[in-house]
PDB file of N, CA and C in Angstrom:
ATOM      1  N   UNK A   1      79.967 -80.238 -65.230  1.00  0.00           N
ATOM      2  CA  UNK A   1      81.143 -79.931 -65.643  1.00  0.00           C
ATOM      3  C   UNK A   1      82.225 -79.428 -64.507  1.00  0.00           C
ATOM      4  N   UNK A   2      81.772 -78.127 -63.925  1.00  0.00           N
ATOM      5  CA  UNK A   2      81.941 -77.720 -62.838  1.00  0.00           C
ATOM      6  C   UNK A   2      82.358 -78.864 -61.529  1.00  0.00           C
ATOM      7  N   UNK A   3      81.425 -79.312 -61.511  1.00  0.00           N
ATOM      8  CA  UNK A   3      81.197 -80.454 -60.341  1.00  0.00           C
ATOM      9  C   UNK A   3      82.428 -81.364 -60.705  1.00  0.00           C
ATOM     10  N   UNK A   4      82.837 -81.769 -62.031  1.00  0.00           N
ATOM     11  CA  UNK A   4      83.626 -82.712 -62.118  1.00  0.00           C
ATOM     12  C   UNK A   4      84.974 -82.312 -61.812  1.00  0.00           C
ATOM     13  N   UNK A   5      85.320 -81.032 -62.497  1.00  0.00           N
ATOM     14  CA  UNK A   5      86.716 -79.892 -62.138  1.00  0.00           C
ATOM     15  C   UNK A   5      86.692 -80.043 -60.518  1.00  0.00           C
ATOM     16  N   UNK A   6      86.004 -79.518 -60.065  1.00  0.00           N
ATOM     17  CA  UNK A   6      85.856 -79.449 -58.460  1.00  0.00           C
ATOM     18  C   UNK A   6      86.055 -80.500 -57.678  1.00  0.00           C
ATOM     19  N   UNK A   7      85.700 -81.785 -58.231  1.00  0.00           N
ATOM     20  CA  UNK A   7      85.960 -83.136 -57.563  1.00  0.00           C
ATOM     21  C   UNK A   7      87.359 -83.392 -57.680  1.00  0.00           C
ATOM     22  N   UNK A   8      87.674 -83.072 -58.971  1.00  0.00           N
ATOM     23  CA  UNK A   8      89.138 -83.451 -59.514  1.00  0.00           C
ATOM     24  C   UNK A   8      90.132 -82.632 -58.500  1.00  0.00           C
ATOM     25  N   UNK A   9      90.152 -81.499 -58.398  1.00  0.00           N
ATOM     26  CA  UNK A   9      90.806 -80.243 -57.960  1.00  0.00           C
ATOM     27  C   UNK A   9      90.765 -80.979 -56.364  1.00  0.00           C
ATOM     28  N   UNK A  10      89.605 -81.177 -55.641  1.00  0.00           N
ATOM     29  CA  UNK A  10      89.523 -81.905 -54.216  1.00  0.00           C
ATOM     30  C   UNK A  10      90.421 -82.895 -54.388  1.00  0.00           C
ATOM     31  N   UNK A  11      90.234 -83.573 -54.688  1.00  0.00           N
ATOM     32  CA  UNK A  11      91.299 -85.053 -54.974  1.00  0.00           C
ATOM     33  C   UNK A  11      92.530 -84.720 -54.824  1.00  0.00           C
ATOM     34  N   UNK A  12      92.808 -83.578 -55.969  1.00  0.00           N
ATOM     35  CA  UNK A  12      94.173 -83.289 -56.106  1.00  0.00           C
ATOM     36  C   UNK A  12      94.890 -82.761 -54.776  1.00  0.00           C
ATOM     37  N   UNK A  13      94.168 -81.970 -54.360  1.00  0.00           N
ATOM     38  CA  UNK A  13      94.409 -81.139 -52.818  1.00  0.00           C
ATOM     39  C   UNK A  13      94.689 -82.135 -51.803  1.00  0.00           C
ATOM     40  N   UNK A  14      93.640 -83.251 -51.869  1.00  0.00           N
ATOM     41  CA  UNK A  14      93.638 -84.157 -50.700  1.00  0.00           C
ATOM     42  C   UNK A  14      94.714 -84.964 -50.848  1.00  0.00           C
ATOM     43  N   UNK A  15      95.542 -85.353 -51.972  1.00  0.00           N
ATOM     44  CA  UNK A  15      96.269 -86.265 -52.327  1.00  0.00           C
ATOM     45  C   UNK A  15      97.794 -85.233 -51.774  1.00  0.00           C
ATOM     46  N   UNK A  16      97.743 -84.172 -52.020  1.00  0.00           N
ATOM     47  CA  UNK A  16      98.987 -83.444 -52.105  1.00  0.00           C
ATOM     48  C   UNK A  16      99.317 -83.264 -50.457  1.00  0.00           C
ATOM     49  N   UNK A  17      98.217 -83.262 -49.878  1.00  0.00           N
ATOM     50  CA  UNK A  17      98.206 -83.053 -48.182  1.00  0.00           C
ATOM     51  C   UNK A  17      98.604 -83.904 -47.865  1.00  0.00           C
ATOM     52  N   UNK A  18      97.995 -85.208 -48.113  1.00  0.00           N
ATOM     53  CA  UNK A  18      98.564 -86.372 -47.814  1.00  0.00           C
ATOM     54  C   UNK A  18     100.218 -86.538 -47.732  1.00  0.00           C
ATOM     55  N   UNK A  19     100.769 -86.344 -48.583  1.00  0.00           N
ATOM     56  CA  UNK A  19     102.100 -86.508 -49.471  1.00  0.00           C
ATOM     57  C   UNK A  19     103.224 -85.476 -48.337  1.00  0.00           C
ATOM     58  N   UNK A  20     102.387 -83.710 -48.203  1.00  0.00           N
ATOM     59  CA  UNK A  20     103.272 -83.382 -47.606  1.00  0.00           C
ATOM     60  C   UNK A  20     103.135 -84.079 -45.865  1.00  0.00           C
ATOM     61  N   UNK A  21     101.895 -84.236 -45.506  1.00  0.00           N
ATOM     62  CA  UNK A  21     102.151 -84.582 -44.140  1.00  0.00           C
ATOM     63  C   UNK A  21     103.363 -85.912 -43.605  1.00  0.00           C
ATOM     64  N   UNK A  22     103.167 -86.942 -45.351  1.00  0.00           N
ATOM     65  CA  UNK A  22     103.946 -88.097 -44.562  1.00  0.00           C
ATOM     66  C   UNK A  22     105.330 -87.687 -44.907  1.00  0.00           C
ATOM     67  N   UNK A  23     105.798 -86.844 -45.758  1.00  0.00           N
ATOM     68  CA  UNK A  23     107.364 -86.279 -45.693  1.00  0.00           C
ATOM     69  C   UNK A  23     107.609 -85.712 -44.505  1.00  0.00           C
ATOM     70  N   UNK A  24     106.562 -84.861 -43.835  1.00  0.00           N
ATOM     71  CA  UNK A  24     107.045 -83.900 -42.544  1.00  0.00           C
ATOM     72  C   UNK A  24     106.920 -85.311 -41.300  1.00  0.00           C
ATOM     73  N   UNK A  25     106.235 -86.233 -41.404  1.00  0.00           N
ATOM     74  CA  UNK A  25     106.423 -87.403 -40.347  1.00  0.00           C
ATOM     75  C   UNK A  25     107.505 -87.839 -40.684  1.00  0.00           C
ATOM     76  N   UNK A  26     108.212 -88.313 -41.833  1.00  0.00           N
ATOM     77  CA  UNK A  26     109.317 -89.087 -41.952  1.00  0.00           C
ATOM     78  C   UNK A  26     110.495 -88.441 -41.472  1.00  0.00           C
ATOM     79  N   UNK A  27     110.212 -87.107 -41.814  1.00  0.00           N
ATOM     80  CA  UNK A  27     111.636 -86.276 -41.439  1.00  0.00           C
ATOM     81  C   UNK A  27     111.375 -85.846 -39.785  1.00  0.00           C
ATOM     82  N   UNK A  28     110.144 -85.773 -39.358  1.00  0.00           N
ATOM     83  CA  UNK A  28     110.005 -85.486 -37.753  1.00  0.00           C
ATOM     84  C   UNK A  28     109.625 -86.660 -37.098  1.00  0.00           C
ATOM     85  N   UNK A  29     109.085 -87.734 -37.655  1.00  0.00           N
ATOM     86  CA  UNK A  29     108.478 -88.733 -37.142  1.00  0.00           C
ATOM     87  C   UNK A  29     109.577 -89.434 -36.449  1.00  0.00           C
ATOM     88  N   UNK A  30     109.180 -90.648 -35.683  1.00  0.00           N
ATOM     89  CA  UNK A  30     109.764 -91.498 -34.805  1.00  0.00           C
ATOM     90  C   UNK A  30     111.175 -92.394 -35.711  1.00  0.00           C
ATOM     91  N   UNK A  31     110.709 -92.771 -36.971  1.00  0.00           N
ATOM     92  CA  UNK A  31     111.874 -92.983 -38.009  1.00  0.00           C
ATOM     93  C   UNK A  31     113.301 -92.086 -38.041  1.00  0.00           C
ATOM     94  N   UNK A  32     113.274 -91.340 -37.808  1.00  0.00           N
ATOM     95  CA  UNK A  32     113.978 -90.223 -37.942  1.00  0.00           C
ATOM     96  C   UNK A  32     114.916 -90.316 -36.774  1.00  0.00           C
ATOM     97  N   UNK A  33     114.638 -90.567 -35.716  1.00  0.00           N
ATOM     98  CA  UNK A  33     115.329 -90.520 -34.353  1.00  0.00           C
ATOM     99  C   UNK A  33     116.175 -92.106 -34.469  1.00  0.00           C
ATOM    100  N   UNK A  34     115.251 -93.022 -34.626  1.00  0.00           N
ATOM    101  CA  UNK A  34     115.556 -94.491 -34.794  1.00  0.00           C
ATOM    102  C   UNK A  34     116.713 -94.838 -35.842  1.00  0.00           C
ATOM    103  N   UNK A  35     116.639 -94.082 -37.177  1.00  0.00           N
ATOM    104  CA  UNK A  35     117.553 -94.241 -38.264  1.00  0.00           C
ATOM    105  C   UNK A  35     118.910 -93.440 -37.574  1.00  0.00           C
ATOM    106  N   UNK A  36     118.749 -92.273 -37.036  1.00  0.00           N
ATOM    107  CA  UNK A  36     120.228 -91.799 -36.384  1.00  0.00           C
ATOM    108  C   UNK A  36     120.657 -91.999 -35.465  1.00  0.00           C
ATOM    109  N   UNK A  37     120.091 -93.262 -34.746  1.00  0.00           N
ATOM    110  CA  UNK A  37     120.619 -94.078 -33.819  1.00  0.00           C
ATOM    111  C   UNK A  37     121.450 -95.123 -34.333  1.00  0.00           C
ATOM    112  N   UNK A  38     120.628 -96.049 -35.063  1.00  0.00           N
ATOM    113  CA  UNK A  38     121.204 -97.161 -35.892  1.00  0.00           C
ATOM    114  C   UNK A  38     122.554 -96.020 -36.619  1.00  0.00           C
ATOM    115  N   UNK A  39     122.749 -95.176 -37.399  1.00  0.00           N
ATOM    116  CA  UNK A  39     123.864 -94.503 -37.986  1.00  0.00           C
ATOM    117  C   UNK A  39     124.609 -94.599 -37.252  1.00  0.00           C
ATOM    118  N   UNK A  40     124.561 -94.123 -35.737  1.00  0.00           N
ATOM    119  CA  UNK A  40     125.452 -93.719 -35.061  1.00  0.00           C
ATOM    120  C   UNK A  40     126.269 -94.954 -34.452  1.00  0.00           C
ATOM    121  N   UNK A  41     125.346 -96.084 -34.185  1.00  0.00           N
ATOM    122  CA  UNK A  41     125.776 -97.163 -33.718  1.00  0.00           C
ATOM    123  C   UNK A  41     126.817 -97.982 -35.075  1.00  0.00           C
ATOM    124  N   UNK A  42     126.524 -97.920 -36.234  1.00  0.00           N
ATOM    125  CA  UNK A  42     127.393 -98.180 -37.354  1.00  0.00           C
ATOM    126  C   UNK A  42     128.455 -97.427 -37.452  1.00  0.00           C
ATOM    127  N   UNK A  43     128.665 -96.101 -37.111  1.00  0.00           N
ATOM    128  CA  UNK A  43     129.828 -95.173 -36.675  1.00  0.00           C
ATOM    129  C   UNK A  43     130.609 -96.122 -35.930  1.00  0.00           C
ATOM    130  N   UNK A  44     130.482 -96.279 -34.611  1.00  0.00           N
ATOM    131  CA  UNK A  44     130.987 -96.832 -33.588  1.00  0.00           C
ATOM    132  C   UNK A  44     131.451 -98.117 -34.178  1.00  0.00           C
ATOM    133  N   UNK A  45     130.649 -98.845 -34.486  1.00  0.00           N
ATOM    134  CA  UNK A  45     131.163-100.402 -35.119  1.00  0.00           C
ATOM    135  C   UNK A  45     132.279 -99.980 -36.064  1.00  0.00           C
ATOM    136  N   UNK A  46     132.177 -99.262 -36.984  1.00  0.00           N
ATOM    137  CA  UNK A  46     133.336 -98.802 -37.994  1.00  0.00           C
ATOM    138  C   UNK A  46     134.640 -98.300 -37.488  1.00  0.00           C
ATOM    139  N   UNK A  47     134.439 -97.342 -36.258  1.00  0.00           N
ATOM    140  CA  UNK A  47     135.457 -97.115 -35.446  1.00  0.00           C
ATOM    141  C   UNK A  47     136.318 -98.104 -35.027  1.00  0.00           C
ATOM    142  N   UNK A  48     135.492 -99.157 -34.450  1.00  0.00           N
ATOM    143  CA  UNK A  48     136.107-100.184 -33.560  1.00  0.00           C
ATOM    144  C   UNK A  48     137.084-100.995 -34.736  1.00  0.00           C
ATOM    145  N   UNK A  49     136.280-101.230 -35.636  1.00  0.00           N
ATOM    146  CA  UNK A  49     136.936-102.106 -36.938  1.00  0.00           C
ATOM    147  C   UNK A  49     138.179-101.436 -37.240  1.00  0.00           C
ATOM    148  N   UNK A  50     138.370-100.180 -37.522  1.00  0.00           N
ATOM    149  CA  UNK A  50     139.171 -99.768 -38.566  1.00  0.00           C
ATOM    150  C   UNK A  50     140.660 -99.284 -37.231  1.00  0.00           C
ATOM    151  N   UNK A  51     140.179 -99.317 -36.000  1.00  0.00           N
ATOM    152  CA  UNK A  51     141.163 -99.403 -35.055  1.00  0.00           C
ATOM    153  C   UNK A  51     141.192 -97.673 -34.797  1.00  0.00           C
ATOM    154  N   UNK A  52     140.284 -96.950 -34.866  1.00  0.00           N
ATOM    155  CA  UNK A  52     140.418 -95.690 -34.863  1.00  0.00           C
ATOM    156  C   UNK A  52     139.603 -95.230 -33.038  1.00  0.00           C
ATOM    157  N   UNK A  53     138.868 -96.186 -32.795  1.00  0.00           N
ATOM    158  CA  UNK A  53     138.325 -96.132 -31.592  1.00  0.00           C
ATOM    159  C   UNK A  53     139.066 -97.271 -30.307  1.00  0.00           C
ATOM    160  N   UNK A  54     139.902 -96.994 -29.167  1.00  0.00           N
ATOM    161  CA  UNK A  54     140.165 -97.847 -28.330  1.00  0.00           C
ATOM    162  C   UNK A  54     139.036 -98.456 -27.405  1.00  0.00           C
ATOM    163  N   UNK A  55     139.757 -99.361 -26.548  1.00  0.00           N
ATOM    164  CA  UNK A  55     138.418 -99.761 -25.749  1.00  0.00           C
ATOM    165  C   UNK A  55     137.624 -98.876 -25.173  1.00  0.00           C
ATOM    166  N   UNK A  56     138.550 -97.930 -24.118  1.00  0.00           N
ATOM    167  CA  UNK A  56     137.511 -97.134 -23.289  1.00  0.00           C
ATOM    168  C   UNK A  56     136.804 -96.436 -23.913  1.00  0.00           C
ATOM    169  N   UNK A  57     137.137 -95.618 -25.267  1.00  0.00           N
ATOM    170  CA  UNK A  57     136.207 -95.169 -25.964  1.00  0.00           C
ATOM    171  C   UNK A  57     135.386 -95.561 -26.506  1.00  0.00           C
ATOM    172  N   UNK A  58     135.516 -96.980 -26.814  1.00  0.00           N
ATOM    173  CA  UNK A  58     134.070 -97.811 -27.037  1.00  0.00           C
ATOM    174  C   UNK A  58     133.294 -97.468 -26.254  1.00  0.00           C
ATOM    175  N   UNK A  59     133.740 -98.344 -25.144  1.00  0.00           N
ATOM    176  CA  UNK A  59     132.731 -98.308 -23.947  1.00  0.00           C
ATOM    177  C   UNK A  59     132.022 -97.230 -23.582  1.00  0.00           C
ATOM    178  N   UNK A  60     132.542 -95.499 -23.758  1.00  0.00           N
ATOM    179  CA  UNK A  60     131.972 -94.743 -23.198  1.00  0.00           C
ATOM    180  C   UNK A  60     130.986 -94.269 -24.093  1.00  0.00           C
ATOM    181  N   UNK A  61     131.412 -94.640 -25.291  1.00  0.00           N
ATOM    182  CA  UNK A  61     130.125 -93.949 -26.363  1.00  0.00           C
ATOM    183  C   UNK A  61     129.075 -94.967 -26.368  1.00  0.00           C
ATOM    184  N   UNK A  62     129.378 -96.576 -26.210  1.00  0.00           N
ATOM    185  CA  UNK A  62     128.128 -97.341 -26.152  1.00  0.00           C
ATOM    186  C   UNK A  62     127.191 -96.941 -24.875  1.00  0.00           C
ATOM    187  N   UNK A  63     127.808 -96.763 -24.000  1.00  0.00           N
ATOM    188  CA  UNK A  63     127.201 -96.404 -22.501  1.00  0.00           C
ATOM    189  C   UNK A  63     126.380 -94.905 -22.849  1.00  0.00           C
ATOM    190  N   UNK A  64     126.776 -93.973 -23.690  1.00  0.00           N
ATOM    191  CA  UNK A  64     126.133 -92.961 -24.123  1.00  0.00           C
ATOM    192  C   UNK A  64     124.920 -93.350 -24.965  1.00  0.00           C
ATOM    193  N   UNK A  65     125.193 -94.477 -25.987  1.00  0.00           N
ATOM    194  CA  UNK A  65     124.254 -94.638 -26.838  1.00  0.00           C
ATOM    195  C   UNK A  65     122.931 -95.521 -26.160  1.00  0.00           C
ATOM    196  N   UNK A  66     123.464 -96.461 -24.819  1.00  0.00           N
ATOM    197  CA  UNK A  66     122.322 -97.166 -24.454  1.00  0.00           C
ATOM    198  C   UNK A  66     121.767 -96.145 -23.404  1.00  0.00           C
ATOM    199  N   UNK A  67     122.367 -95.258 -22.983  1.00  0.00           N
ATOM    200  CA  UNK A  67     121.265 -94.206 -22.098  1.00  0.00           C
ATOM    201  C   UNK A  67     120.279 -93.377 -22.959  1.00  0.00           C
ATOM    202  N   UNK A  68     121.029 -93.287 -24.136  1.00  0.00           N
ATOM    203  CA  UNK A  68     119.901 -92.532 -25.175  1.00  0.00           C
ATOM    204  C   UNK A  68     118.680 -93.533 -25.639  1.00  0.00           C
ATOM    205  N   UNK A  69     119.166 -94.480 -25.664  1.00  0.00           N
ATOM    206  CA  UNK A  69     117.741 -95.582 -25.827  1.00  0.00           C
ATOM    207  C   UNK A  69     117.023 -95.384 -24.794  1.00  0.00           C
ATOM    208  N   UNK A  70     117.415 -95.783 -23.803  1.00  0.00           N
ATOM    209  CA  UNK A  70     116.714 -95.957 -22.393  1.00  0.00           C
ATOM    210  C   UNK A  70     115.794 -94.691 -22.418  1.00  0.00           C
ATOM    211  N   UNK A  71     116.425 -93.523 -22.624  1.00  0.00           N
ATOM    212  CA  UNK A  71     115.404 -92.452 -22.534  1.00  0.00           C
ATOM    213  C   UNK A  71     114.664 -91.951 -23.404  1.00  0.00           C
ATOM    214  N   UNK A  72     114.635 -92.629 -24.495  1.00  0.00           N
ATOM    215  CA  UNK A  72     113.588 -92.621 -25.882  1.00  0.00           C
ATOM    216  C   UNK A  72     112.853 -93.540 -25.370  1.00  0.00           C
ATOM    217  N   UNK A  73     112.918 -94.811 -24.971  1.00  0.00           N
ATOM    218  CA  UNK A  73     112.052 -95.878 -24.592  1.00  0.00           C
ATOM    219  C   UNK A  73     111.160 -95.267 -23.537  1.00  0.00           C
ATOM    220  N   UNK A  74     111.793 -94.586 -22.504  1.00  0.00           N
ATOM    221  CA  UNK A  74     110.772 -94.141 -21.511  1.00  0.00           C
ATOM    222  C   UNK A  74     109.924 -92.872 -21.912  1.00  0.00           C
ATOM    223  N   UNK A  75     110.496 -92.213 -22.901  1.00  0.00           N
ATOM    224  CA  UNK A  75     109.377 -91.077 -23.695  1.00  0.00           C
ATOM    225  C   UNK A  75     107.985 -91.831 -24.224  1.00  0.00           C
ATOM    226  N   UNK A  76     108.528 -92.717 -25.015  1.00  0.00           N
ATOM    227  CA  UNK A  76     107.474 -93.803 -26.022  1.00  0.00           C
ATOM    228  C   UNK A  76     106.799 -94.519 -25.057  1.00  0.00           C
ATOM    229  N   UNK A  77     107.231 -94.913 -23.791  1.00  0.00           N
ATOM    230  CA  UNK A  77     106.469 -95.443 -23.103  1.00  0.00           C
ATOM    231  C   UNK A  77     105.389 -94.591 -21.940  1.00  0.00           C
ATOM    232  N   UNK A  78     105.173 -93.406 -22.005  1.00  0.00           N
ATOM    233  CA  UNK A  78     104.895 -92.309 -21.473  1.00  0.00           C
ATOM    234  C   UNK A  78     103.302 -92.075 -22.098  1.00  0.00           C
ATOM    235  N   UNK A  79     103.048 -92.623 -23.121  1.00  0.00           N
ATOM    236  CA  UNK A  79     102.092 -92.574 -24.201  1.00  0.00           C
ATOM    237  C   UNK A  79     102.137 -91.733 -25.178  1.00  0.00           C
ATOM    238  N   UNK A  80     101.245 -92.231 -26.577  1.00  0.00           N
ATOM    239  CA  UNK A  80     100.885 -90.879 -27.415  1.00  0.00           C
ATOM    240  C   UNK A  80     102.134 -90.821 -28.071  1.00  0.00           C
ATOM    241  N   UNK A  81     103.310 -91.610 -28.177  1.00  0.00           N
ATOM    242  CA  UNK A  81     104.347 -91.177 -29.261  1.00  0.00           C
ATOM    243  C   UNK A  81     105.300 -90.465 -28.560  1.00  0.00           C
ATOM    244  N   UNK A  82     106.166 -89.436 -29.469  1.00  0.00           N
ATOM    245  CA  UNK A  82     107.069 -88.499 -28.901  1.00  0.00           C
ATOM    246  C   UNK A  82     106.280 -86.994 -28.839  1.00  0.00           C
ATOM    247  N   UNK A  83     106.045 -86.127 -28.068  1.00  0.00           N
ATOM    248  CA  UNK A  83     105.711 -84.808 -27.968  1.00  0.00           C
ATOM    249  C   UNK A  83     106.686 -84.312 -28.849  1.00  0.00           C
ATOM    250  N   UNK A  84     106.610 -82.950 -29.118  1.00  0.00           N
ATOM    251  CA  UNK A  84     107.484 -82.052 -29.729  1.00  0.00           C
ATOM    252  C   UNK A  84     108.699 -81.692 -28.793  1.00  0.00           C
ATOM    253  N   UNK A  85     108.363 -81.700 -27.521  1.00  0.00           N
ATOM    254  CA  UNK A  85     109.882 -81.206 -26.699  1.00  0.00           C
ATOM    255  C   UNK A  85     110.361 -82.705 -26.500  1.00  0.00           C
ATOM    256  N   UNK A  86     109.913 -83.510 -26.524  1.00  0.00           N
ATOM    257  CA  UNK A  86     110.613 -85.114 -26.300  1.00  0.00           C
ATOM    258  C   UNK A  86     111.531 -85.328 -27.602  1.00  0.00           C
ATOM    259  N   UNK A  87     111.107 -84.965 -28.153  1.00  0.00           N
ATOM    260  CA  UNK A  87     111.813 -85.143 -29.930  1.00  0.00           C
ATOM    261  C   UNK A  87     112.846 -84.196 -29.962  1.00  0.00           C
ATOM    262  N   UNK A  88     112.642 -83.048 -29.494  1.00  0.00           N
ATOM    263  CA  UNK A  88     113.617 -81.781 -29.372  1.00  0.00           C
ATOM    264  C   UNK A  88     114.743 -82.372 -28.289  1.00  0.00           C
ATOM    265  N   UNK A  89     114.422 -82.804 -27.334  1.00  0.00           N
ATOM    266  CA  UNK A  89     115.568 -83.450 -26.494  1.00  0.00           C
ATOM    267  C   UNK A  89     116.189 -84.514 -26.790  1.00  0.00           C
ATOM    268  N   UNK A  90     115.779 -85.524 -27.673  1.00  0.00           N
ATOM    269  CA  UNK A  90     116.352 -86.577 -28.016  1.00  0.00           C
ATOM    270  C   UNK A  90     117.214 -86.133 -29.556  1.00  0.00           C
ATOM    271  N   UNK A  91     116.786 -85.275 -30.217  1.00  0.00           N
ATOM    272  CA  UNK A  91     117.623 -84.584 -31.264  1.00  0.00           C
ATOM    273  C   UNK A  91     118.900 -83.710 -30.679  1.00  0.00           C
ATOM    274  N   UNK A  92     118.813 -83.130 -29.750  1.00  0.00           N
ATOM    275  CA  UNK A  92     119.696 -82.310 -29.164  1.00  0.00           C
ATOM    276  C   UNK A  92     121.180 -83.363 -28.441  1.00  0.00           C
ATOM    277  N   UNK A  93     120.269 -84.503 -27.808  1.00  0.00           N
ATOM    278  CA  UNK A  93     121.393 -85.546 -27.176  1.00  0.00           C
ATOM    279  C   UNK A  93     122.029 -86.541 -28.408  1.00  0.00           C
ATOM    280  N   UNK A  94     121.054 -86.416 -29.550  1.00  0.00           N
ATOM    281  CA  UNK A  94     121.860 -87.204 -30.724  1.00  0.00           C
ATOM    282  C   UNK A  94     122.802 -86.541 -31.220  1.00  0.00           C
ATOM    283  N   UNK A  95     122.566 -85.465 -31.510  1.00  0.00           N
ATOM    284  CA  UNK A  95     123.896 -84.147 -31.711  1.00  0.00           C
ATOM    285  C   UNK A  95     124.829 -84.384 -30.776  1.00  0.00           C
ATOM    286  N   UNK A  96     124.450 -84.269 -29.733  1.00  0.00           N
ATOM    287  CA  UNK A  96     126.068 -84.380 -28.916  1.00  0.00           C
ATOM    288  C   UNK A  96     126.468 -85.597 -28.818  1.00  0.00           C
ATOM    289  N   UNK A  97     125.763 -86.602 -29.020  1.00  0.00           N
ATOM    290  CA  UNK A  97     126.429 -88.178 -29.179  1.00  0.00           C
ATOM    291  C   UNK A  97     127.157 -88.211 -30.675  1.00  0.00           C
ATOM    292  N   UNK A  98     126.403 -87.770 -31.273  1.00  0.00           N
ATOM    293  CA  UNK A  98     127.442 -88.074 -32.861  1.00  0.00           C
ATOM    294  C   UNK A  98     128.450 -86.767 -32.664  1.00  0.00           C
ATOM    295  N   UNK A  99     128.679 -85.517 -32.121  1.00  0.00           N
ATOM    296  CA  UNK A  99     129.818 -84.848 -32.070  1.00  0.00           C
ATOM    297  C   UNK A  99     131.015 -85.789 -31.240  1.00  0.00           C
ATOM    298  N   UNK A 100     130.217 -86.156 -30.057  1.00  0.00           N
ATOM    299  CA  UNK A 100     131.367 -87.188 -29.542  1.00  0.00           C
ATOM    300  C   UNK A 100     132.095 -88.149 -30.262  1.00  0.00           C
ATOM    301  N   UNK A 101     131.001 -88.983 -30.884  1.00  0.00           N
ATOM    302  CA  UNK A 101     131.874 -90.008 -31.807  1.00  0.00           C
ATOM    303  C   UNK A 101     132.804 -89.559 -32.957  1.00  0.00           C
ATOM    304  N   UNK A 102     132.477 -88.686 -33.773  1.00  0.00           N
ATOM    305  CA  UNK A 102     133.229 -87.591 -34.146  1.00  0.00           C
ATOM    306  C   UNK A 102     134.751 -87.145 -33.877  1.00  0.00           C
ATOM    307  N   UNK A 103     134.700 -86.626 -32.443  1.00  0.00           N
ATOM    308  CA  UNK A 103     136.050 -86.241 -31.686  1.00  0.00           C
ATOM    309  C   UNK A 103     136.662 -87.511 -31.212  1.00  0.00           C
ATOM    310  N   UNK A 104     136.178 -88.383 -30.996  1.00  0.00           N
ATOM    311  CA  UNK A 104     136.840 -89.774 -30.449  1.00  0.00           C
ATOM    312  C   UNK A 104     137.472 -90.333 -31.591  1.00  0.00           C
ATOM    313  N   UNK A 105     136.906 -90.625 -32.660  1.00  0.00           N
ATOM    314  CA  UNK A 105     137.379 -91.288 -33.653  1.00  0.00           C
ATOM    315  C   UNK A 105     138.491 -90.343 -34.533  1.00  0.00           C
ATOM    316  N   UNK A 106     138.503 -89.226 -34.245  1.00  0.00           N
ATOM    317  CA  UNK A 106     139.620 -88.285 -34.571  1.00  0.00           C
ATOM    318  C   UNK A 106     140.508 -87.569 -33.819  1.00  0.00           C
ATOM    319  N   UNK A 107     140.758 -88.022 -32.495  1.00  0.00           N
ATOM    320  CA  UNK A 107     141.440 -87.872 -31.650  1.00  0.00           C
ATOM    321  C   UNK A 107     143.092 -88.133 -31.671  1.00  0.00           C
ATOM    322  N   UNK A 108     143.654 -89.207 -32.909  1.00  0.00           N
ATOM    323  CA  UNK A 108     144.532 -89.580 -32.970  1.00  0.00           C
ATOM    324  C   UNK A 108     145.143 -90.376 -32.115  1.00  0.00           C
ATOM    325  N   UNK A 109     144.183 -91.319 -31.297  1.00  0.00           N
ATOM    326  CA  UNK A 109     144.453 -92.323 -30.362  1.00  0.00           C
ATOM    327  C   UNK A 109     143.922 -93.686 -30.969  1.00  0.00           C
ATOM    328  N   UNK A 110     145.223 -94.307 -30.988  1.00  0.00           N
ATOM    329  CA  UNK A 110     144.820 -95.457 -31.903  1.00  0.00           C
ATOM    330  C   UNK A 110     144.374 -97.134 -31.003  1.00  0.00           C
ATOM    331  N   UNK A 111     143.975 -98.169 -31.679  1.00  0.00           N
ATOM    332  CA  UNK A 111     144.373 -99.259 -30.649  1.00  0.00           C
ATOM    333  C   UNK A 111     145.587 -99.543 -30.848  1.00  0.00           C
ATOM    334  N   UNK A 112     146.052-100.432 -29.870  1.00  0.00           N
ATOM    335  CA  UNK A 112     147.389-100.925 -29.924  1.00  0.00           C
ATOM    336  C   UNK A 112     147.878-101.877 -30.847  1.00  0.00           C
ATOM    337  N   UNK A 113     148.399-102.065 -31.533  1.00  0.00           N
ATOM    338  CA  UNK A 113     148.598-103.155 -32.435  1.00  0.00           C
ATOM    339  C   UNK A 113     150.158-103.522 -32.099  1.00  0.00           C
ATOM    340  N   UNK A 114     150.447-104.674 -31.186  1.00  0.00           N
ATOM    341  CA  UNK A 114     152.112-105.149 -31.043  1.00  0.00           C
ATOM    342  C   UNK A 114     152.856-105.350 -32.727  1.00  0.00           C
ATOM    343  N   UNK A 115     153.842-105.126 -32.331  1.00  0.00           N
ATOM    344  CA  UNK A 115     154.581-105.551 -33.844  1.00  0.00           C
ATOM    345  C   UNK A 115     155.093-107.000 -34.007  1.00  0.00           C
ATOM    346  N   UNK A 116     154.886-107.557 -34.889  1.00  0.00           N
ATOM    347  CA  UNK A 116     155.073-109.042 -35.236  1.00  0.00           C
ATOM    348  C   UNK A 116     156.735-109.073 -35.641  1.00  0.00           C
ATOM    349  N   UNK A 117     157.362-110.074 -34.689  1.00  0.00           N
ATOM    350  CA  UNK A 117     158.513-110.515 -34.970  1.00  0.00           C
ATOM    351  C   UNK A 117     158.531-111.309 -36.009  1.00  0.00           C
ATOM    352  N   UNK A 118     159.657-111.396 -36.905  1.00  0.00           N
ATOM    353  CA  UNK A 118     159.832-112.348 -37.994  1.00  0.00           C
ATOM    354  C   UNK A 118     160.933-112.914 -37.921  1.00  0.00           C
TER     355      UNK A 118
END
């Protein structure tokens, strides 16, 4: 009886350990960086569609996103995935890029729409 309870308890601990590990990996893992990059790209596209970003702002933000993507690719090619330092640096740059997107979308510069003559 004690062996059975011990095995059940060990199995529960094992399952709980895997679930905690997978949730930490989901938050700190590579998917988190990629999801943020995709979300920021969507925010830029939405700003273009709504007219809140002009051509120059869009170009600057796209270039910043591309540099971030290249940096991430270089970190991943170095082998062994992302280290904690590389992930930290990427998250910092993602924060800065996100802040820039927000500022550019809310700076009251609009894309120029000429008036139509009736």
